[in-house]
Amino acid sequence: AYPAPSSIGLYKPGQGYVKFDQKKADEYFAKVTQKIARLILDTRRRWDEAGL
C-alpha cells in the first residue's frame, strides 16, 4: 500500500514551515559528500582490481 498524494490542510499561520538550521544543513552536506566520495573511490578501486 502506498499513500496517495494529496494536499494537507493547515489551519494556523506559519504551521508546517520547515525550521531551517544552517549549521545542521552544513553538517549534513559534509557527511553526505564524504560518504559519496568514499563510495566513488571504493568503486574505482574495485574496478581497477577487476581490470576494468
N, C-alpha and C. Protein backbone atom coordinates (compact mmCIF):
# COMPACT_ATOMS: atom_id res chain seq x y z
N ALA A 1 0.84 -1.18 0.00
CA ALA A 1 0.00 0.00 0.00
C ALA A 1 0.88 1.24 0.00
N TYR A 2 0.49 2.21 -0.78
CA TYR A 2 1.22 3.48 -0.89
C TYR A 2 0.28 4.62 -0.53
N PRO A 3 0.80 5.64 0.12
CA PRO A 3 -0.05 6.79 0.42
C PRO A 3 -0.38 7.56 -0.86
N ALA A 4 -1.59 8.01 -0.96
CA ALA A 4 -2.00 8.79 -2.13
C ALA A 4 -1.59 10.25 -1.92
N PRO A 5 -0.98 10.87 -2.93
CA PRO A 5 -0.61 12.28 -2.78
C PRO A 5 -1.85 13.16 -2.69
N SER A 6 -1.86 14.04 -1.74
CA SER A 6 -2.97 14.97 -1.58
C SER A 6 -2.49 16.18 -0.79
N SER A 7 -3.28 17.24 -0.84
CA SER A 7 -2.91 18.44 -0.09
C SER A 7 -3.17 18.22 1.40
N ILE A 8 -2.49 18.99 2.21
CA ILE A 8 -2.63 18.91 3.66
C ILE A 8 -3.23 20.23 4.14
N GLY A 9 -4.28 20.15 4.89
CA GLY A 9 -4.90 21.36 5.42
C GLY A 9 -4.14 21.87 6.64
N LEU A 10 -3.68 23.10 6.58
CA LEU A 10 -3.00 23.73 7.71
C LEU A 10 -3.87 24.90 8.16
N TYR A 11 -4.14 24.97 9.45
CA TYR A 11 -5.12 25.92 9.94
C TYR A 11 -4.55 27.09 10.73
N LYS A 12 -3.26 27.04 11.06
CA LYS A 12 -2.64 28.13 11.82
C LYS A 12 -1.58 28.80 10.96
N PRO A 13 -1.44 30.12 11.06
CA PRO A 13 -0.39 30.81 10.29
C PRO A 13 1.00 30.29 10.66
N GLY A 14 1.81 30.00 9.67
CA GLY A 14 3.17 29.53 9.90
C GLY A 14 3.26 28.03 10.18
N GLN A 15 2.13 27.37 10.30
CA GLN A 15 2.11 25.94 10.59
C GLN A 15 2.67 25.15 9.40
N GLY A 16 3.55 24.20 9.69
CA GLY A 16 4.07 23.33 8.64
C GLY A 16 5.32 23.83 7.97
N TYR A 17 5.78 25.03 8.30
CA TYR A 17 7.01 25.54 7.70
C TYR A 17 8.22 24.81 8.26
N VAL A 18 9.21 24.64 7.42
CA VAL A 18 10.45 23.99 7.83
C VAL A 18 11.24 24.94 8.71
N LYS A 19 11.81 24.41 9.80
CA LYS A 19 12.68 25.22 10.65
C LYS A 19 14.10 24.97 10.18
N PHE A 20 14.60 25.84 9.30
CA PHE A 20 15.90 25.66 8.68
C PHE A 20 17.01 26.02 9.65
N ASP A 21 18.00 25.15 9.75
CA ASP A 21 19.16 25.36 10.61
C ASP A 21 20.41 25.23 9.75
N GLN A 22 21.08 26.34 9.49
CA GLN A 22 22.24 26.34 8.59
C GLN A 22 23.35 25.43 9.08
N LYS A 23 23.58 25.41 10.39
CA LYS A 23 24.64 24.56 10.94
C LYS A 23 24.35 23.08 10.66
N LYS A 24 23.11 22.66 10.91
CA LYS A 24 22.74 21.27 10.63
C LYS A 24 22.82 20.97 9.14
N ALA A 25 22.42 21.92 8.31
CA ALA A 25 22.49 21.72 6.86
C ALA A 25 23.93 21.56 6.41
N ASP A 26 24.84 22.36 6.95
CA ASP A 26 26.26 22.25 6.60
C ASP A 26 26.84 20.92 7.04
N GLU A 27 26.47 20.47 8.25
CA GLU A 27 26.96 19.18 8.75
C GLU A 27 26.44 18.04 7.87
N TYR A 28 25.18 18.10 7.52
CA TYR A 28 24.57 17.07 6.67
C TYR A 28 25.26 17.04 5.31
N PHE A 29 25.48 18.20 4.71
CA PHE A 29 26.13 18.28 3.41
C PHE A 29 27.53 17.68 3.46
N ALA A 30 28.28 18.00 4.51
CA ALA A 30 29.64 17.48 4.65
C ALA A 30 29.62 15.95 4.79
N LYS A 31 28.71 15.42 5.58
CA LYS A 31 28.63 13.97 5.78
C LYS A 31 28.24 13.26 4.49
N VAL A 32 27.27 13.82 3.78
CA VAL A 32 26.82 13.20 2.53
C VAL A 32 27.93 13.21 1.49
N THR A 33 28.62 14.34 1.33
CA THR A 33 29.68 14.41 0.32
C THR A 33 30.84 13.48 0.68
N GLN A 34 31.15 13.34 1.96
CA GLN A 34 32.20 12.40 2.37
C GLN A 34 31.81 10.97 2.04
N LYS A 35 30.57 10.63 2.31
CA LYS A 35 30.10 9.26 2.04
C LYS A 35 30.11 8.97 0.54
N ILE A 36 29.65 9.91 -0.27
CA ILE A 36 29.65 9.72 -1.72
C ILE A 36 31.07 9.61 -2.24
N ALA A 37 31.98 10.43 -1.73
CA ALA A 37 33.38 10.37 -2.16
C ALA A 37 33.98 9.01 -1.84
N ARG A 38 33.71 8.49 -0.64
CA ARG A 38 34.21 7.15 -0.28
C ARG A 38 33.63 6.09 -1.20
N LEU A 39 32.36 6.20 -1.52
CA LEU A 39 31.72 5.24 -2.42
C LEU A 39 32.37 5.26 -3.80
N ILE A 40 32.62 6.45 -4.32
CA ILE A 40 33.25 6.58 -5.64
C ILE A 40 34.66 6.00 -5.62
N LEU A 41 35.44 6.35 -4.61
CA LEU A 41 36.81 5.84 -4.52
C LEU A 41 36.83 4.32 -4.38
N ASP A 42 35.92 3.77 -3.59
CA ASP A 42 35.86 2.33 -3.41
C ASP A 42 35.45 1.64 -4.71
N THR A 43 34.50 2.21 -5.42
CA THR A 43 34.06 1.64 -6.69
C THR A 43 35.20 1.65 -7.70
N ARG A 44 35.91 2.77 -7.81
CA ARG A 44 37.05 2.85 -8.74
C ARG A 44 38.13 1.84 -8.36
N ARG A 45 38.40 1.68 -7.06
CA ARG A 45 39.41 0.72 -6.61
C ARG A 45 39.02 -0.70 -7.02
N ARG A 46 37.75 -1.04 -6.83
CA ARG A 46 37.28 -2.38 -7.19
C ARG A 46 37.34 -2.59 -8.70
N TRP A 47 37.03 -1.57 -9.47
CA TRP A 47 37.13 -1.69 -10.93
C TRP A 47 38.57 -1.93 -11.34
N ASP A 48 39.48 -1.18 -10.70
CA ASP A 48 40.91 -1.36 -11.01
C ASP A 48 41.37 -2.77 -10.66
N GLU A 49 40.94 -3.28 -9.51
CA GLU A 49 41.31 -4.63 -9.11
C GLU A 49 40.76 -5.67 -10.08
N ALA A 50 39.58 -5.39 -10.65
CA ALA A 50 38.95 -6.33 -11.59
C ALA A 50 39.50 -6.17 -13.01
N GLY A 51 40.35 -5.16 -13.21
CA GLY A 51 40.93 -4.94 -14.53
C GLY A 51 39.99 -4.26 -15.51
N LEU A 52 39.04 -3.54 -15.00
CA LEU A 52 38.09 -2.84 -15.88
C LEU A 52 38.59 -1.46 -16.26
